[in-house]
C-alpha atoms as a PDB file:
ATOM      1  CA  MET A   1     -24.911  13.378   2.627  1.00  0.00           C
ATOM      2  CA  SER A   2     -21.551  11.624   2.904  1.00  0.00           C
ATOM      3  CA  ASN A   3     -19.607  11.121   6.103  1.00  0.00           C
ATOM      4  CA  THR A   4     -16.288  10.853   4.283  1.00  0.00           C
ATOM      5  CA  HIS A   5     -13.406  12.301   6.266  1.00  0.00           C
ATOM      6  CA  ILE A   6     -10.285  13.294   4.332  1.00  0.00           C
ATOM      7  CA  GLU A   7      -7.228  12.792   6.524  1.00  0.00           C
ATOM      8  CA  ALA A   8      -3.886  14.519   5.964  1.00  0.00           C
ATOM      9  CA  GLY A   9      -1.122  12.304   4.609  1.00  0.00           C
ATOM     10  CA  TRP A  10       1.683  11.241   6.913  1.00  0.00           C
ATOM     11  CA  GLU A  11       4.385   8.639   7.073  1.00  0.00           C
ATOM     12  CA  GLY A  12       3.910   5.358   8.829  1.00  0.00           C
ATOM     13  CA  ARG A  13       0.377   4.886  10.099  1.00  0.00           C
ATOM     14  CA  PHE A  14      -0.028   2.096  12.616  1.00  0.00           C
ATOM     15  CA  TYR A  15      -3.157  -0.047  12.945  1.00  0.00           C
ATOM     16  CA  GLU A  16      -4.500   2.216  15.721  1.00  0.00           C
ATOM     17  CA  ASN A  17      -4.203   5.301  13.473  1.00  0.00           C
ATOM     18  CA  VAL A  18      -6.612   3.938  10.850  1.00  0.00           C
ATOM     19  CA  THR A  19     -10.330   4.808  10.943  1.00  0.00           C
ATOM     20  CA  VAL A  20     -12.855   3.102   8.671  1.00  0.00           C
ATOM     21  CA  GLY A  21     -14.216   5.655   6.191  1.00  0.00           C
ATOM     22  CA  ASP A  22     -11.167   7.930   6.194  1.00  0.00           C
ATOM     23  CA  VAL A  23      -9.676   8.925   2.839  1.00  0.00           C
ATOM     24  CA  TYR A  24      -5.939   9.564   2.493  1.00  0.00           C
ATOM     25  CA  LYS A  25      -4.945  11.717  -0.480  1.00  0.00           C
ATOM     26  CA  HIS A  26      -1.423  10.495  -1.119  1.00  0.00           C
ATOM     27  CA  PRO A  27       1.218  13.173  -1.586  1.00  0.00           C
ATOM     28  CA  TYR A  28       2.992  13.589  -4.886  1.00  0.00           C
ATOM     29  CA  GLY A  29       1.535  12.945  -8.285  1.00  0.00           C
ATOM     30  CA  ARG A  30       3.639  11.390 -11.023  1.00  0.00           C
ATOM     31  CA  THR A  31       3.674  12.220 -14.720  1.00  0.00           C
ATOM     32  CA  VAL A  32       3.990   9.191 -16.974  1.00  0.00           C
ATOM     33  CA  THR A  33       6.725   9.797 -19.536  1.00  0.00           C
ATOM     34  CA  GLU A  34       7.330   8.285 -22.946  1.00  0.00           C
ATOM     35  CA  THR A  35      10.443   6.705 -21.438  1.00  0.00           C
ATOM     36  CA  ASP A  36       8.265   4.982 -18.808  1.00  0.00           C
ATOM     37  CA  ASP A  37       6.180   3.479 -21.605  1.00  0.00           C
ATOM     38  CA  VAL A  38       9.243   2.285 -23.512  1.00  0.00           C
ATOM     39  CA  TRP A  39      11.081   0.901 -20.462  1.00  0.00           C
ATOM     40  CA  PHE A  40       8.067  -1.029 -19.261  1.00  0.00           C
ATOM     41  CA  THR A  41       6.931  -2.208 -22.685  1.00  0.00           C
ATOM     42  CA  ASN A  42      10.302  -3.437 -24.019  1.00  0.00           C
ATOM     43  CA  PRO A  43      10.956  -6.248 -21.501  1.00  0.00           C
ATOM     44  CA  THR A  44       7.314  -7.345 -21.347  1.00  0.00           C
ATOM     45  CA  MET A  45       6.516  -6.787 -25.045  1.00  0.00           C
ATOM     46  CA  ASN A  46       3.174  -5.533 -23.806  1.00  0.00           C
ATOM     47  CA  VAL A  47       1.707  -2.160 -22.902  1.00  0.00           C
ATOM     48  CA  ASN A  48       0.599  -3.283 -19.498  1.00  0.00           C
ATOM     49  CA  GLY A  49      -1.693  -1.741 -16.889  1.00  0.00           C
ATOM     50  CA  THR A  50       0.479  -3.309 -14.196  1.00  0.00           C
ATOM     51  CA  PHE A  51       2.721  -0.250 -14.502  1.00  0.00           C
ATOM     52  CA  ILE A  52      -0.123   2.050 -13.408  1.00  0.00           C
ATOM     53  CA  LEU A  53      -1.048  -0.367 -10.610  1.00  0.00           C
ATOM     54  CA  ALA A  54       2.554  -0.321  -9.358  1.00  0.00           C
ATOM     55  CA  LEU A  55       2.701   3.463  -9.654  1.00  0.00           C
ATOM     56  CA  ALA A  56      -0.512   4.000  -7.650  1.00  0.00           C
ATOM     57  CA  ALA A  57       0.360   1.370  -5.030  1.00  0.00           C
ATOM     58  CA  GLY A  58       3.759   2.995  -4.611  1.00  0.00           C
ATOM     59  CA  MET A  59       2.110   6.347  -3.944  1.00  0.00           C
ATOM     60  CA  SER A  60      -0.014   4.773  -1.197  1.00  0.00           C
ATOM     61  CA  VAL A  61       2.852   3.211   0.765  1.00  0.00           C
ATOM     62  CA  MET A  62       3.687   6.391   2.696  1.00  0.00           C
ATOM     63  CA  ASP A  63       0.131   6.726   4.066  1.00  0.00           C
ATOM     64  CA  VAL A  64      -1.170   3.174   4.141  1.00  0.00           C
ATOM     65  CA  SER A  65       1.451   0.453   4.286  1.00  0.00           C
ATOM     66  CA  MET A  66       4.810   1.827   5.431  1.00  0.00           C
ATOM     67  CA  ASN A  67       4.344  -0.110   8.694  1.00  0.00           C
ATOM     68  CA  ALA A  68       3.024  -3.235   6.985  1.00  0.00           C
ATOM     69  CA  THR A  69       4.503  -6.619   7.771  1.00  0.00           C
ATOM     70  CA  ALA A  70       2.744  -8.293   4.830  1.00  0.00           C
ATOM     71  CA  ASN A  71       0.222  -7.682   2.075  1.00  0.00           C
ATOM     72  CA  LEU A  72      -2.658 -10.172   1.978  1.00  0.00           C
ATOM     73  CA  GLY A  73      -3.510  -9.273  -1.581  1.00  0.00           C
ATOM     74  CA  ASP A  74      -4.800  -6.894  -4.198  1.00  0.00           C
ATOM     75  CA  ASP A  75      -8.372  -7.632  -5.239  1.00  0.00           C
ATOM     76  CA  ASP A  76     -11.025  -6.340  -7.622  1.00  0.00           C
ATOM     77  CA  ILE A  77      -8.451  -4.608  -9.835  1.00  0.00           C
ATOM     78  CA  ARG A  78     -10.113  -2.460 -12.498  1.00  0.00           C
ATOM     79  CA  HIS A  79      -8.533  -0.307 -15.209  1.00  0.00           C
ATOM     80  CA  HIS A  80     -11.163   2.333 -15.985  1.00  0.00           C
ATOM     81  CA  SER A  81      -9.406   4.636 -18.464  1.00  0.00           C
ATOM     82  CA  GLN A  82      -6.333   4.577 -20.652  1.00  0.00           C
ATOM     83  CA  VAL A  83      -3.156   6.204 -19.364  1.00  0.00           C
ATOM     84  CA  SER A  84      -0.759   7.714 -21.891  1.00  0.00           C
ATOM     85  CA  HIS A  85       2.610   9.361 -21.544  1.00  0.00           C
ATOM     86  CA  GLY A  86       2.059  12.943 -20.478  1.00  0.00           C
ATOM     87  CA  ASP A  87      -0.723  12.001 -18.046  1.00  0.00           C
ATOM     88  CA  THR A  88      -0.107  12.826 -14.386  1.00  0.00           C
ATOM     89  CA  ILE A  89      -1.426  10.244 -11.948  1.00  0.00           C
ATOM     90  CA  PHE A  90      -2.669  10.977  -8.427  1.00  0.00           C
ATOM     91  CA  ALA A  91      -3.845   8.376  -5.914  1.00  0.00           C
ATOM     92  CA  GLU A  92      -5.960   8.180  -2.779  1.00  0.00           C
ATOM     93  CA  SER A  93      -7.027   5.368  -0.452  1.00  0.00           C
ATOM     94  CA  LYS A  94     -10.278   4.958   1.447  1.00  0.00           C
ATOM     95  CA  VAL A  95     -10.302   2.706   4.522  1.00  0.00           C
ATOM     96  CA  LEU A  96     -13.055   0.117   4.014  1.00  0.00           C
ATOM     97  CA  SER A  97     -12.523  -2.096   7.059  1.00  0.00           C
ATOM     98  CA  LYS A  98     -10.075  -3.102   9.751  1.00  0.00           C
ATOM     99  CA  ARG A  99      -9.814  -6.033  12.131  1.00  0.00           C
ATOM    100  CA  GLU A 100      -7.375  -7.280  14.705  1.00  0.00           C
ATOM    101  CA  SER A 101      -5.449 -10.458  13.997  1.00  0.00           C
ATOM    102  CA  GLU A 102      -6.709 -13.468  15.931  1.00  0.00           C
ATOM    103  CA  SER A 103      -3.341 -15.228  15.837  1.00  0.00           C
ATOM    104  CA  ARG A 104      -0.843 -12.349  16.140  1.00  0.00           C
ATOM    105  CA  ASP A 105      -1.445  -9.645  18.720  1.00  0.00           C
ATOM    106  CA  HIS A 106       1.137  -7.281  17.209  1.00  0.00           C
ATOM    107  CA  VAL A 107      -0.740  -6.664  13.921  1.00  0.00           C
ATOM    108  CA  GLY A 108      -4.128  -5.913  12.382  1.00  0.00           C
ATOM    109  CA  MET A 109      -5.547  -6.145   8.855  1.00  0.00           C
ATOM    110  CA  VAL A 110      -6.748  -3.014   7.051  1.00  0.00           C
ATOM    111  CA  THR A 111      -8.640  -3.138   3.747  1.00  0.00           C
ATOM    112  CA  THR A 112      -8.490  -0.013   1.600  1.00  0.00           C
ATOM    113  CA  GLU A 113      -9.822   0.975  -1.784  1.00  0.00           C
ATOM    114  CA  LEU A 114      -6.993   2.521  -3.794  1.00  0.00           C
ATOM    115  CA  ARG A 115      -8.158   4.880  -6.552  1.00  0.00           C
ATOM    116  CA  ALA A 116      -5.948   6.564  -9.136  1.00  0.00           C
ATOM    117  CA  TYR A 117      -6.967   9.574 -11.221  1.00  0.00           C
ATOM    118  CA  ASN A 118      -5.371  11.471 -14.069  1.00  0.00           C
ATOM    119  CA  GLN A 119      -4.968  15.243 -14.264  1.00  0.00           C
ATOM    120  CA  ASN A 120      -8.502  15.524 -15.718  1.00  0.00           C
ATOM    121  CA  ASN A 121     -10.019  13.764 -12.678  1.00  0.00           C
ATOM    122  CA  ASP A 122     -10.755  10.649 -14.758  1.00  0.00           C
ATOM    123  CA  LEU A 123     -10.677   7.490 -12.641  1.00  0.00           C
ATOM    124  CA  VAL A 124      -8.000   5.320 -14.274  1.00  0.00           C
ATOM    125  CA  LEU A 125      -7.564   2.510 -11.715  1.00  0.00           C
ATOM    126  CA  SER A 126      -9.248   1.079  -8.634  1.00  0.00           C
ATOM    127  CA  LEU A 127      -8.480  -1.911  -6.447  1.00  0.00           C
ATOM    128  CA  GLU A 128      -8.758  -3.186  -2.895  1.00  0.00           C
ATOM    129  CA  ARG A 129      -5.549  -3.713  -0.894  1.00  0.00           C
ATOM    130  CA  THR A 130      -5.242  -5.491   2.437  1.00  0.00           C
ATOM    131  CA  PRO A 131      -1.958  -4.792   4.197  1.00  0.00           C
ATOM    132  CA  VAL A 132      -1.181  -6.237   7.628  1.00  0.00           C
ATOM    133  CA  LEU A 133      -0.159  -3.255   9.778  1.00  0.00           C
ATOM    134  CA  LYS A 134       1.961  -3.337  12.898  1.00  0.00           C
ATOM    135  CA  ARG A 135       0.266  -2.169  16.063  1.00  0.00           C
ATOM    136  CA  GLU A 136       1.815   1.009  17.425  1.00  0.00           C
ATOM    137  CA  ASN A 137       2.900  -0.372  20.787  1.00  0.00           C
ATOM    138  CA  ALA A 138       3.724  -3.897  19.681  1.00  0.00           C
ATOM    139  CA  ASP A 139       6.529  -5.352  21.759  1.00  0.00           C
ATOM    140  CA  VAL A 140       8.711  -6.846  19.062  1.00  0.00           C
ATOM    141  CA  SER A 141      11.832  -8.677  20.191  1.00  0.00           C
ATOM    142  CA  PRO A 142      14.936  -8.406  17.992  1.00  0.00           C
ATOM    143  CA  ASP A 143      15.931 -11.889  19.210  1.00  0.00           C
ATOM    144  CA  GLN A 144      12.655 -13.497  18.161  1.00  0.00           C
ATOM    145  CA  PRO A 145      10.670 -11.300  15.757  1.00  0.00           C
ATOM    146  CA  PRO A 146       7.037 -12.203  15.057  1.00  0.00           C
ATOM    147  CA  GLY A 147       6.647 -15.431  13.105  1.00  0.00           C
ATOM    148  CA  TRP A 148      10.161 -16.726  13.842  1.00  0.00           C
ATOM    149  CA  PRO A 149      10.292 -19.996  15.792  1.00  0.00           C
ATOM    150  CA  GLU A 150      12.575 -19.987  18.810  1.00  0.00           C
ATOM    151  CA  GLY A 151      16.155 -20.949  17.980  1.00  0.00           C
ATOM    152  CA  VAL A 152      16.002 -20.221  14.234  1.00  0.00           C
ATOM    153  CA  GLY A 153      18.696 -17.976  12.740  1.00  0.00           C
ATOM    154  CA  THR A 154      21.418 -16.086  14.566  1.00  0.00           C
ATOM    155  CA  GLN A 155      21.026 -16.158  18.354  1.00  0.00           C
ATOM    156  CA  GLN A 156      22.374 -13.905  21.093  1.00  0.00           C
ATOM    157  CA  GLY A 157      25.864 -15.090  21.986  1.00  0.00           C
ATOM    158  CA  ASP A 158      26.523 -16.837  18.645  1.00  0.00           C
ATOM    159  CA  SER A 159      30.090 -16.384  17.447  1.00  0.00           C
ATOM    160  CA  ASP A 160      31.056 -15.545  13.882  1.00  0.00           C
ATOM    161  CA  ASP A 161      33.411 -18.540  13.721  1.00  0.00           C
END
């Protein structure tokens, strides 16, 4: 028996809103068109699975990484089935782990498994993503945002002269 919990999609999860084991079914599928194939293949001279990776990752932003400050990487990328124009792609993410940052108290790391399926429920892509999500109540200063050393860039009181 599985303890998977499917969570409704929403915009802009913060670190505190993520629970390990939750699955987010990302809204909106996308049909791959012949034009998509041509536009992506012409400049690269290659029919490339990176297009499907970008498509699926883009679908996940609303639920998973809209409040991300960085992406630590995409790992274990697997293309399971061919995608052709006319296929409609859907994506979901499962939260695998989360941990607070030891060096930055305003963020936490969340690792998800992103899975993309076609209209026939064939798994076409899977990968692990690790975005760095802002904490919901992080006190971020506009004068000195996280990671900026004091005195770098425009300062309060600077003139435009």
